[in-house]
Amino acid sequence: MSPVEFRRWREYYRLFPFDDRHRYHRPAALIAASSRSNVQQGFADFIEFLEPDPALAHFSGSDVSILRTFGLRPPPRKS
């Protein structure tokens, strides 16, 4: 593979990553959200459900909503 071809492939995968989020979660969320009237809001909800933020895993839903209400981010998880 030439250096030019390598750079083109690298740019392609930077734009279109080959990971679970892009291969599985986004299409599943799009299909699920298409049945809602507000597709954009439904899409975000389904992505959050399919791929939750690991930093928020130990917080309850009410904890997260309170933190977001005040514009705060949760503290990092202690090991």
Protein backbone atom coordinates (compact mmCIF):
# COMPACT_ATOMS: atom_id res chain seq x y z
CA MET A 1 0.00 0.00 0.00
CA SER A 2 1.42 3.34 -0.97
CA PRO A 3 1.67 6.19 1.55
CA VAL A 4 -0.96 8.14 -0.39
CA GLU A 5 -3.42 5.24 -0.28
CA PHE A 6 -2.71 4.75 3.44
CA ARG A 7 -3.50 8.41 4.15
CA ARG A 8 -6.75 8.11 2.17
CA TRP A 9 -7.83 5.04 4.15
CA ARG A 10 -6.87 6.72 7.41
CA GLU A 11 -8.99 9.75 6.51
CA TYR A 12 -11.89 7.51 5.46
CA TYR A 13 -11.91 5.68 8.82
CA ARG A 14 -11.56 8.97 10.68
CA LEU A 15 -14.73 10.20 8.95
CA PHE A 16 -16.58 6.86 9.10
CA PRO A 17 -15.32 4.90 12.12
CA PHE A 18 -15.57 1.13 12.13
CA ASP A 19 -16.81 0.71 15.71
CA ASP A 20 -19.92 -0.60 17.44
CA ARG A 21 -21.46 2.85 17.77
CA HIS A 22 -21.46 3.43 14.02
CA ARG A 23 -22.09 -0.17 12.92
CA TYR A 24 -24.83 -1.21 15.37
CA HIS A 25 -26.04 1.49 17.78
CA ARG A 26 -26.68 4.33 15.34
CA PRO A 27 -28.70 2.22 12.86
CA ALA A 28 -30.71 0.62 15.68
CA ALA A 29 -31.44 4.01 17.23
CA LEU A 30 -32.45 5.45 13.86
CA ILE A 31 -34.89 2.59 13.21
CA ALA A 32 -36.35 2.87 16.71
CA ALA A 33 -36.62 6.67 16.53
CA SER A 34 -38.30 6.62 13.11
CA SER A 35 -41.58 5.61 14.76
CA ARG A 36 -41.63 8.83 16.81
CA SER A 37 -42.90 12.20 15.66
CA ASN A 38 -39.71 13.99 16.77
CA VAL A 39 -37.01 11.79 15.21
CA GLN A 40 -34.06 13.89 16.41
CA GLN A 41 -35.10 13.77 20.06
CA GLY A 42 -35.99 10.08 19.82
CA PHE A 43 -32.64 9.30 18.19
CA ALA A 44 -30.71 10.93 21.05
CA ASP A 45 -32.80 9.04 23.62
CA PHE A 46 -32.19 5.69 21.94
CA ILE A 47 -28.46 6.30 21.49
CA GLU A 48 -28.24 7.11 25.21
CA PHE A 49 -30.13 3.89 26.00
CA LEU A 50 -28.06 1.71 23.65
CA GLU A 51 -24.72 3.22 24.58
CA PRO A 52 -24.86 4.74 28.08
CA ASP A 53 -22.04 6.94 29.31
CA PRO A 54 -19.79 4.77 31.51
CA ALA A 55 -19.02 7.77 33.74
CA LEU A 56 -22.69 7.87 34.75
CA ALA A 57 -23.10 4.12 35.34
CA HIS A 58 -23.03 4.33 39.14
CA PHE A 59 -25.47 7.25 39.35
CA SER A 60 -29.24 6.83 39.43
CA GLY A 61 -31.42 8.56 36.85
CA SER A 62 -32.50 11.19 39.36
CA ASP A 63 -28.88 11.90 40.32
CA VAL A 64 -27.96 12.46 36.69
CA SER A 65 -30.95 14.72 36.03
CA ILE A 66 -30.14 16.87 39.09
CA LEU A 67 -26.51 17.21 38.01
CA ARG A 68 -27.56 18.16 34.46
CA THR A 69 -30.10 20.67 35.77
CA PHE A 70 -27.31 22.55 37.51
CA GLY A 71 -24.94 22.17 34.56
CA LEU A 72 -22.58 19.89 36.48
CA ARG A 73 -20.67 16.84 35.40
CA PRO A 74 -20.48 13.88 37.76
CA PRO A 75 -17.21 13.31 39.57
CA PRO A 76 -15.00 10.52 38.20
CA ARG A 77 -15.67 7.05 39.52
CA LYS A 78 -13.42 5.97 42.37
CA SER A 79 -11.76 2.61 41.89
